[in-house]
Amino acid sequence: DAHIFCSPDQIAAEVGAVLDLIIA
């Protein structure tokens, strides 16, 4: 599990990075 605390303008990059981690 993990939780990312970010600003609204960081959401897209963070969600995309998580999807990349999952596929790898």
mmCIF file of all heavy atoms, coordinates in Angstrom:
data_MODEL
# 
_entry.id   MODEL 
# 
loop_
_atom_site.group_PDB 
_atom_site.id 
_atom_site.type_symbol 
_atom_site.label_atom_id 
_atom_site.label_alt_id 
_atom_site.label_comp_id 
_atom_site.label_asym_id 
_atom_site.label_entity_id 
_atom_site.label_seq_id 
_atom_site.pdbx_PDB_ins_code 
_atom_site.Cartn_x 
_atom_site.Cartn_y 
_atom_site.Cartn_z 
_atom_site.occupancy 
_atom_site.B_iso_or_equiv 
_atom_site.pdbx_formal_charge 
_atom_site.auth_seq_id 
_atom_site.auth_comp_id 
_atom_site.auth_asym_id 
_atom_site.auth_atom_id 
_atom_site.pdbx_PDB_model_num 
ATOM 1   N N   . ASP A 1 1  ? 0.829  -1.195 0.000   1.00 0.00 ? 1  ASP A N   1 
ATOM 2   C CA  . ASP A 1 1  ? 0.000  0.000  0.000   1.00 0.00 ? 1  ASP A CA  1 
ATOM 3   C C   . ASP A 1 1  ? 0.872  1.256  0.000   1.00 0.00 ? 1  ASP A C   1 
ATOM 4   O O   . ASP A 1 1  ? 2.043  1.214  0.392   1.00 0.00 ? 1  ASP A O   1 
ATOM 5   C CB  . ASP A 1 1  ? -0.899 -0.003 1.243   1.00 0.00 ? 1  ASP A CB  1 
ATOM 6   C CG  . ASP A 1 1  ? -2.160 0.827  1.056   1.00 0.00 ? 1  ASP A CG  1 
ATOM 7   O OD1 . ASP A 1 1  ? -2.417 1.266  -0.075  1.00 0.00 ? 1  ASP A OD1 1 
ATOM 8   O OD2 . ASP A 1 1  ? -2.883 1.027  2.040   1.00 0.00 ? 1  ASP A OD2 1 
ATOM 9   N N   . ALA A 1 2  ? 0.295  2.353  -0.441  1.00 0.00 ? 2  ALA A N   1 
ATOM 10  C CA  . ALA A 1 2  ? 0.983  3.647  -0.354  1.00 0.00 ? 2  ALA A CA  1 
ATOM 11  C C   . ALA A 1 2  ? -0.039 4.750  -0.528  1.00 0.00 ? 2  ALA A C   1 
ATOM 12  O O   . ALA A 1 2  ? -1.110 4.555  -1.119  1.00 0.00 ? 2  ALA A O   1 
ATOM 13  C CB  . ALA A 1 2  ? 2.078  3.770  -1.409  1.00 0.00 ? 2  ALA A CB  1 
ATOM 14  N N   . HIS A 1 3  ? 0.319  5.918  -0.011  1.00 0.00 ? 3  HIS A N   1 
ATOM 15  C CA  . HIS A 1 3  ? -0.532 7.093  -0.141  1.00 0.00 ? 3  HIS A CA  1 
ATOM 16  C C   . HIS A 1 3  ? 0.329  8.280  -0.534  1.00 0.00 ? 3  HIS A C   1 
ATOM 17  O O   . HIS A 1 3  ? 1.371  8.529  0.069   1.00 0.00 ? 3  HIS A O   1 
ATOM 18  C CB  . HIS A 1 3  ? -1.294 7.346  1.160   1.00 0.00 ? 3  HIS A CB  1 
ATOM 19  C CG  . HIS A 1 3  ? -2.243 6.230  1.475   1.00 0.00 ? 3  HIS A CG  1 
ATOM 20  N ND1 . HIS A 1 3  ? -1.844 5.118  2.190   1.00 0.00 ? 3  HIS A ND1 1 
ATOM 21  C CD2 . HIS A 1 3  ? -3.530 6.025  1.113   1.00 0.00 ? 3  HIS A CD2 1 
ATOM 22  C CE1 . HIS A 1 3  ? -2.865 4.280  2.273   1.00 0.00 ? 3  HIS A CE1 1 
ATOM 23  N NE2 . HIS A 1 3  ? -3.886 4.801  1.628   1.00 0.00 ? 3  HIS A NE2 1 
ATOM 24  N N   . ILE A 1 4  ? -0.113 8.967  -1.568  1.00 0.00 ? 4  ILE A N   1 
ATOM 25  C CA  . ILE A 1 4  ? 0.603  10.113 -2.102  1.00 0.00 ? 4  ILE A CA  1 
ATOM 26  C C   . ILE A 1 4  ? -0.182 11.357 -1.725  1.00 0.00 ? 4  ILE A C   1 
ATOM 27  O O   . ILE A 1 4  ? -1.383 11.460 -2.004  1.00 0.00 ? 4  ILE A O   1 
ATOM 28  C CB  . ILE A 1 4  ? 0.742  10.015 -3.630  1.00 0.00 ? 4  ILE A CB  1 
ATOM 29  C CG1 . ILE A 1 4  ? 1.464  8.720  -4.023  1.00 0.00 ? 4  ILE A CG1 1 
ATOM 30  C CG2 . ILE A 1 4  ? 1.471  11.232 -4.191  1.00 0.00 ? 4  ILE A CG2 1 
ATOM 31  C CD1 . ILE A 1 4  ? 1.370  8.394  -5.498  1.00 0.00 ? 4  ILE A CD1 1 
ATOM 32  N N   . PHE A 1 5  ? 0.487  12.286 -1.087  1.00 0.00 ? 5  PHE A N   1 
ATOM 33  C CA  . PHE A 1 5  ? -0.110 13.569 -0.723  1.00 0.00 ? 5  PHE A CA  1 
ATOM 34  C C   . PHE A 1 5  ? 0.478  14.615 -1.674  1.00 0.00 ? 5  PHE A C   1 
ATOM 35  O O   . PHE A 1 5  ? 1.693  14.811 -1.709  1.00 0.00 ? 5  PHE A O   1 
ATOM 36  C CB  . PHE A 1 5  ? 0.182  13.903 0.732   1.00 0.00 ? 5  PHE A CB  1 
ATOM 37  C CG  . PHE A 1 5  ? -0.330 12.857 1.697   1.00 0.00 ? 5  PHE A CG  1 
ATOM 38  C CD1 . PHE A 1 5  ? 0.461  11.770 2.054   1.00 0.00 ? 5  PHE A CD1 1 
ATOM 39  C CD2 . PHE A 1 5  ? -1.601 12.956 2.227   1.00 0.00 ? 5  PHE A CD2 1 
ATOM 40  C CE1 . PHE A 1 5  ? -0.012 10.802 2.931   1.00 0.00 ? 5  PHE A CE1 1 
ATOM 41  C CE2 . PHE A 1 5  ? -2.084 11.985 3.100   1.00 0.00 ? 5  PHE A CE2 1 
ATOM 42  C CZ  . PHE A 1 5  ? -1.286 10.907 3.461   1.00 0.00 ? 5  PHE A CZ  1 
ATOM 43  N N   . CYS A 1 6  ? -0.383 15.261 -2.449  1.00 0.00 ? 6  CYS A N   1 
ATOM 44  C CA  . CYS A 1 6  ? 0.118  16.152 -3.482  1.00 0.00 ? 6  CYS A CA  1 
ATOM 45  C C   . CYS A 1 6  ? -0.795 17.356 -3.640  1.00 0.00 ? 6  CYS A C   1 
ATOM 46  O O   . CYS A 1 6  ? -1.885 17.421 -3.060  1.00 0.00 ? 6  CYS A O   1 
ATOM 47  C CB  . CYS A 1 6  ? 0.259  15.406 -4.806  1.00 0.00 ? 6  CYS A CB  1 
ATOM 48  S SG  . CYS A 1 6  ? -1.298 14.822 -5.526  1.00 0.00 ? 6  CYS A SG  1 
ATOM 49  N N   . SER A 1 7  ? -0.343 18.314 -4.436  1.00 0.00 ? 7  SER A N   1 
ATOM 50  C CA  . SER A 1 7  ? -1.167 19.467 -4.780  1.00 0.00 ? 7  SER A CA  1 
ATOM 51  C C   . SER A 1 7  ? -2.037 19.109 -5.984  1.00 0.00 ? 7  SER A C   1 
ATOM 52  O O   . SER A 1 7  ? -1.722 18.163 -6.722  1.00 0.00 ? 7  SER A O   1 
ATOM 53  C CB  . SER A 1 7  ? -0.284 20.666 -5.099  1.00 0.00 ? 7  SER A CB  1 
ATOM 54  O OG  . SER A 1 7  ? 0.577  20.364 -6.190  1.00 0.00 ? 7  SER A OG  1 
ATOM 55  N N   . PRO A 1 8  ? -3.112 19.856 -6.231  1.00 0.00 ? 8  PRO A N   1 
ATOM 56  C CA  . PRO A 1 8  ? -3.997 19.510 -7.356  1.00 0.00 ? 8  PRO A CA  1 
ATOM 57  C C   . PRO A 1 8  ? -3.289 19.457 -8.703  1.00 0.00 ? 8  PRO A C   1 
ATOM 58  O O   . PRO A 1 8  ? -3.625 18.619 -9.548  1.00 0.00 ? 8  PRO A O   1 
ATOM 59  C CB  . PRO A 1 8  ? -5.059 20.613 -7.318  1.00 0.00 ? 8  PRO A CB  1 
ATOM 60  C CG  . PRO A 1 8  ? -5.120 21.012 -5.873  1.00 0.00 ? 8  PRO A CG  1 
ATOM 61  C CD  . PRO A 1 8  ? -3.699 20.931 -5.387  1.00 0.00 ? 8  PRO A CD  1 
ATOM 62  N N   . ASP A 1 9  ? -2.310 20.343 -8.927  1.00 0.00 ? 9  ASP A N   1 
ATOM 63  C CA  . ASP A 1 9  ? -1.639 20.355 -10.228 1.00 0.00 ? 9  ASP A CA  1 
ATOM 64  C C   . ASP A 1 9  ? -0.642 19.205 -10.391 1.00 0.00 ? 9  ASP A C   1 
ATOM 65  O O   . ASP A 1 9  ? -0.066 19.036 -11.465 1.00 0.00 ? 9  ASP A O   1 
ATOM 66  C CB  . ASP A 1 9  ? -0.941 21.692 -10.469 1.00 0.00 ? 9  ASP A CB  1 
ATOM 67  C CG  . ASP A 1 9  ? 0.145  21.993 -9.449  1.00 0.00 ? 9  ASP A CG  1 
ATOM 68  O OD1 . ASP A 1 9  ? 0.218  21.295 -8.417  1.00 0.00 ? 9  ASP A OD1 1 
ATOM 69  O OD2 . ASP A 1 9  ? 0.935  22.928 -9.693  1.00 0.00 ? 9  ASP A OD2 1 
ATOM 70  N N   . GLN A 1 10 ? -0.451 18.388 -9.361  1.00 0.00 ? 10 GLN A N   1 
ATOM 71  C CA  . GLN A 1 10 ? 0.447  17.236 -9.446  1.00 0.00 ? 10 GLN A CA  1 
ATOM 72  C C   . GLN A 1 10 ? -0.300 15.920 -9.667  1.00 0.00 ? 10 GLN A C   1 
ATOM 73  O O   . GLN A 1 10 ? 0.329  14.870 -9.846  1.00 0.00 ? 10 GLN A O   1 
ATOM 74  C CB  . GLN A 1 10 ? 1.287  17.126 -8.162  1.00 0.00 ? 10 GLN A CB  1 
ATOM 75  C CG  . GLN A 1 10 ? 2.246  18.274 -7.953  1.00 0.00 ? 10 GLN A CG  1 
ATOM 76  C CD  . GLN A 1 10 ? 2.895  18.270 -6.565  1.00 0.00 ? 10 GLN A CD  1 
ATOM 77  O OE1 . GLN A 1 10 ? 2.288  17.803 -5.588  1.00 0.00 ? 10 GLN A OE1 1 
ATOM 78  N NE2 . GLN A 1 10 ? 4.112  18.781 -6.469  1.00 0.00 ? 10 GLN A NE2 1 
ATOM 79  N N   . ILE A 1 11 ? -1.621 15.964 -9.679  1.00 0.00 ? 11 ILE A N   1 
ATOM 80  C CA  . ILE A 1 11 ? -2.416 14.727 -9.742  1.00 0.00 ? 11 ILE A CA  1 
ATOM 81  C C   . ILE A 1 11 ? -2.109 13.926 -10.997 1.00 0.00 ? 11 ILE A C   1 
ATOM 82  O O   . ILE A 1 11 ? -1.843 12.717 -10.938 1.00 0.00 ? 11 ILE A O   1 
ATOM 83  C CB  . ILE A 1 11 ? -3.919 15.047 -9.672  1.00 0.00 ? 11 ILE A CB  1 
ATOM 84  C CG1 . ILE A 1 11 ? -4.299 15.595 -8.294  1.00 0.00 ? 11 ILE A CG1 1 
ATOM 85  C CG2 . ILE A 1 11 ? -4.745 13.793 -9.979  1.00 0.00 ? 11 ILE A CG2 1 
ATOM 86  C CD1 . ILE A 1 11 ? -5.735 16.090 -8.203  1.00 0.00 ? 11 ILE A CD1 1 
ATOM 87  N N   . ALA A 1 12 ? -2.140 14.571 -12.157 1.00 0.00 ? 12 ALA A N   1 
ATOM 88  C CA  . ALA A 1 12 ? -1.987 13.845 -13.421 1.00 0.00 ? 12 ALA A CA  1 
ATOM 89  C C   . ALA A 1 12 ? -0.658 13.110 -13.485 1.00 0.00 ? 12 ALA A C   1 
ATOM 90  O O   . ALA A 1 12 ? -0.601 11.922 -13.858 1.00 0.00 ? 12 ALA A O   1 
ATOM 91  C CB  . ALA A 1 12 ? -2.123 14.813 -14.595 1.00 0.00 ? 12 ALA A CB  1 
ATOM 92  N N   . ALA A 1 13 ? 0.422  13.791 -13.109 1.00 0.00 ? 13 ALA A N   1 
ATOM 93  C CA  . ALA A 1 13 ? 1.747  13.164 -13.163 1.00 0.00 ? 13 ALA A CA  1 
ATOM 94  C C   . ALA A 1 13 ? 1.842  11.999 -12.185 1.00 0.00 ? 13 ALA A C   1 
ATOM 95  O O   . ALA A 1 13 ? 2.434  10.959 -12.507 1.00 0.00 ? 13 ALA A O   1 
ATOM 96  C CB  . ALA A 1 13 ? 2.833  14.201 -12.871 1.00 0.00 ? 13 ALA A CB  1 
ATOM 97  N N   . GLU A 1 14 ? 1.276  12.161 -10.988 1.00 0.00 ? 14 GLU A N   1 
ATOM 98  C CA  . GLU A 1 14 ? 1.376  11.105 -9.982  1.00 0.00 ? 14 GLU A CA  1 
ATOM 99  C C   . GLU A 1 14 ? 0.556  9.871  -10.366 1.00 0.00 ? 14 GLU A C   1 
ATOM 100 O O   . GLU A 1 14 ? 1.021  8.745  -10.226 1.00 0.00 ? 14 GLU A O   1 
ATOM 101 C CB  . GLU A 1 14 ? 0.933  11.641 -8.617  1.00 0.00 ? 14 GLU A CB  1 
ATOM 102 C CG  . GLU A 1 14 ? 1.895  12.640 -8.008  1.00 0.00 ? 14 GLU A CG  1 
ATOM 103 C CD  . GLU A 1 14 ? 3.292  12.064 -7.847  1.00 0.00 ? 14 GLU A CD  1 
ATOM 104 O OE1 . GLU A 1 14 ? 3.441  11.000 -7.225  1.00 0.00 ? 14 GLU A OE1 1 
ATOM 105 O OE2 . GLU A 1 14 ? 4.238  12.689 -8.373  1.00 0.00 ? 14 GLU A OE2 1 
ATOM 106 N N   . VAL A 1 15 ? -0.659 10.072 -10.850 1.00 0.00 ? 15 VAL A N   1 
ATOM 107 C CA  . VAL A 1 15 ? -1.478 8.930  -11.266 1.00 0.00 ? 15 VAL A CA  1 
ATOM 108 C C   . VAL A 1 15 ? -0.813 8.216  -12.432 1.00 0.00 ? 15 VAL A C   1 
ATOM 109 O O   . VAL A 1 15 ? -0.741 6.977  -12.470 1.00 0.00 ? 15 VAL A O   1 
ATOM 110 C CB  . VAL A 1 15 ? -2.904 9.389  -11.643 1.00 0.00 ? 15 VAL A CB  1 
ATOM 111 C CG1 . VAL A 1 15 ? -3.681 8.236  -12.279 1.00 0.00 ? 15 VAL A CG1 1 
ATOM 112 C CG2 . VAL A 1 15 ? -3.641 9.896  -10.423 1.00 0.00 ? 15 VAL A CG2 1 
ATOM 113 N N   . GLY A 1 16 ? -0.283 8.959  -13.388 1.00 0.00 ? 16 GLY A N   1 
ATOM 114 C CA  . GLY A 1 16 ? 0.412  8.344  -14.512 1.00 0.00 ? 16 GLY A CA  1 
ATOM 115 C C   . GLY A 1 16 ? 1.622  7.548  -14.078 1.00 0.00 ? 16 GLY A C   1 
ATOM 116 O O   . GLY A 1 16 ? 1.871  6.441  -14.585 1.00 0.00 ? 16 GLY A O   1 
ATOM 117 N N   . ALA A 1 17 ? 2.395  8.082  -13.124 1.00 0.00 ? 17 ALA A N   1 
ATOM 118 C CA  . ALA A 1 17 ? 3.574  7.373  -12.641 1.00 0.00 ? 17 ALA A CA  1 
ATOM 119 C C   . ALA A 1 17 ? 3.196  6.068  -11.935 1.00 0.00 ? 17 ALA A C   1 
ATOM 120 O O   . ALA A 1 17 ? 3.901  5.063  -12.049 1.00 0.00 ? 17 ALA A O   1 
ATOM 121 C CB  . ALA A 1 17 ? 4.374  8.268  -11.694 1.00 0.00 ? 17 ALA A CB  1 
ATOM 122 N N   . VAL A 1 18 ? 2.075  6.074  -11.216 1.00 0.00 ? 18 VAL A N   1 
ATOM 123 C CA  . VAL A 1 18 ? 1.619  4.848  -10.556 1.00 0.00 ? 18 VAL A CA  1 
ATOM 124 C C   . VAL A 1 18 ? 1.242  3.798  -11.594 1.00 0.00 ? 18 VAL A C   1 
ATOM 125 O O   . VAL A 1 18 ? 1.600  2.617  -11.469 1.00 0.00 ? 18 VAL A O   1 
ATOM 126 C CB  . VAL A 1 18 ? 0.425  5.137  -9.626  1.00 0.00 ? 18 VAL A CB  1 
ATOM 127 C CG1 . VAL A 1 18 ? -0.184 3.835  -9.118  1.00 0.00 ? 18 VAL A CG1 1 
ATOM 128 C CG2 . VAL A 1 18 ? 0.871  5.990  -8.440  1.00 0.00 ? 18 VAL A CG2 1 
ATOM 129 N N   . LEU A 1 19 ? 0.535  4.194  -12.640 1.00 0.00 ? 19 LEU A N   1 
ATOM 130 C CA  . LEU A 1 19 ? 0.168  3.238  -13.690 1.00 0.00 ? 19 LEU A CA  1 
ATOM 131 C C   . LEU A 1 19 ? 1.411  2.643  -14.341 1.00 0.00 ? 19 LEU A C   1 
ATOM 132 O O   . LEU A 1 19 ? 1.457  1.441  -14.640 1.00 0.00 ? 19 LEU A O   1 
ATOM 133 C CB  . LEU A 1 19 ? -0.707 3.929  -14.745 1.00 0.00 ? 19 LEU A CB  1 
ATOM 134 C CG  . LEU A 1 19 ? -2.107 4.358  -14.269 1.00 0.00 ? 19 LEU A CG  1 
ATOM 135 C CD1 . LEU A 1 19 ? -2.824 5.139  -15.376 1.00 0.00 ? 19 LEU A CD1 1 
ATOM 136 C CD2 . LEU A 1 19 ? -2.938 3.161  -13.844 1.00 0.00 ? 19 LEU A CD2 1 
ATOM 137 N N   . ASP A 1 20 ? 2.436  3.458  -14.540 1.00 0.00 ? 20 ASP A N   1 
ATOM 138 C CA  . ASP A 1 20 ? 3.685  2.950  -15.106 1.00 0.00 ? 20 ASP A CA  1 
ATOM 139 C C   . ASP A 1 20 ? 4.343  1.932  -14.182 1.00 0.00 ? 20 ASP A C   1 
ATOM 140 O O   . ASP A 1 20 ? 4.871  0.910  -14.632 1.00 0.00 ? 20 ASP A O   1 
ATOM 141 C CB  . ASP A 1 20 ? 4.654  4.109  -15.367 1.00 0.00 ? 20 ASP A CB  1 
ATOM 142 C CG  . ASP A 1 20 ? 4.193  5.015  -16.508 1.00 0.00 ? 20 ASP A CG  1 
ATOM 143 O OD1 . ASP A 1 20 ? 3.333  4.573  -17.303 1.00 0.00 ? 20 ASP A OD1 1 
ATOM 144 O OD2 . ASP A 1 20 ? 4.683  6.159  -16.591 1.00 0.00 ? 20 ASP A OD2 1 
ATOM 145 N N   . LEU A 1 21 ? 4.317  2.211  -12.868 1.00 0.00 ? 21 LEU A N   1 
ATOM 146 C CA  . LEU A 1 21 ? 4.881  1.266  -11.894 1.00 0.00 ? 21 LEU A CA  1 
ATOM 147 C C   . LEU A 1 21 ? 4.133  -0.069 -11.920 1.00 0.00 ? 21 LEU A C   1 
ATOM 148 O O   . LEU A 1 21 ? 4.745  -1.136 -11.834 1.00 0.00 ? 21 LEU A O   1 
ATOM 149 C CB  . LEU A 1 21 ? 4.812  1.861  -10.484 1.00 0.00 ? 21 LEU A CB  1 
ATOM 150 C CG  . LEU A 1 21 ? 5.932  2.796  -10.049 1.00 0.00 ? 21 LEU A CG  1 
ATOM 151 C CD1 . LEU A 1 21 ? 5.604  3.384  -8.672  1.00 0.00 ? 21 LEU A CD1 1 
ATOM 152 C CD2 . LEU A 1 21 ? 7.265  2.073  -10.000 1.00 0.00 ? 21 LEU A CD2 1 
ATOM 153 N N   . ILE A 1 22 ? 2.824  -0.008 -12.037 1.00 0.00 ? 22 ILE A N   1 
ATOM 154 C CA  . ILE A 1 22 ? 2.008  -1.232 -12.058 1.00 0.00 ? 22 ILE A CA  1 
ATOM 155 C C   . ILE A 1 22 ? 2.370  -2.090 -13.266 1.00 0.00 ? 22 ILE A C   1 
ATOM 156 O O   . ILE A 1 22 ? 2.603  -3.296 -13.137 1.00 0.00 ? 22 ILE A O   1 
ATOM 157 C CB  . ILE A 1 22 ? 0.512  -0.877 -12.061 1.00 0.00 ? 22 ILE A CB  1 
ATOM 158 C CG1 . ILE A 1 22 ? 0.097  -0.280 -10.713 1.00 0.00 ? 22 ILE A CG1 1 
ATOM 159 C CG2 . ILE A 1 22 ? -0.340 -2.113 -12.378 1.00 0.00 ? 22 ILE A CG2 1 
ATOM 160 C CD1 . ILE A 1 22 ? -1.306 0.301  -10.693 1.00 0.00 ? 22 ILE A CD1 1 
ATOM 161 N N   . ILE A 1 23 ? 2.438  -1.472 -14.442 1.00 0.00 ? 23 ILE A N   1 
ATOM 162 C CA  . ILE A 1 23 ? 2.730  -2.234 -15.662 1.00 0.00 ? 23 ILE A CA  1 
ATOM 163 C C   . ILE A 1 23 ? 4.127  -2.842 -15.588 1.00 0.00 ? 23 ILE A C   1 
ATOM 164 O O   . ILE A 1 23 ? 4.332  -4.012 -15.959 1.00 0.00 ? 23 ILE A O   1 
ATOM 165 C CB  . ILE A 1 23 ? 2.594  -1.331 -16.900 1.00 0.00 ? 23 ILE A CB  1 
ATOM 166 C CG1 . ILE A 1 23 ? 1.167  -0.793 -17.008 1.00 0.00 ? 23 ILE A CG1 1 
ATOM 167 C CG2 . ILE A 1 23 ? 2.974  -2.099 -18.157 1.00 0.00 ? 23 ILE A CG2 1 
ATOM 168 C CD1 . ILE A 1 23 ? 0.094  -1.843 -16.948 1.00 0.00 ? 23 ILE A CD1 1 
ATOM 169 N N   . ALA A 1 24 ? 5.102  -2.086 -15.100 1.00 0.00 ? 24 ALA A N   1 
ATOM 170 C CA  . ALA A 1 24 ? 6.461  -2.619 -14.973 1.00 0.00 ? 24 ALA A CA  1 
ATOM 171 C C   . ALA A 1 24 ? 6.499  -3.788 -13.994 1.00 0.00 ? 24 ALA A C   1 
ATOM 172 O O   . ALA A 1 24 ? 7.169  -4.797 -14.234 1.00 0.00 ? 24 ALA A O   1 
ATOM 173 C CB  . ALA A 1 24 ? 7.410  -1.507 -14.518 1.00 0.00 ? 24 ALA A CB  1 
# 
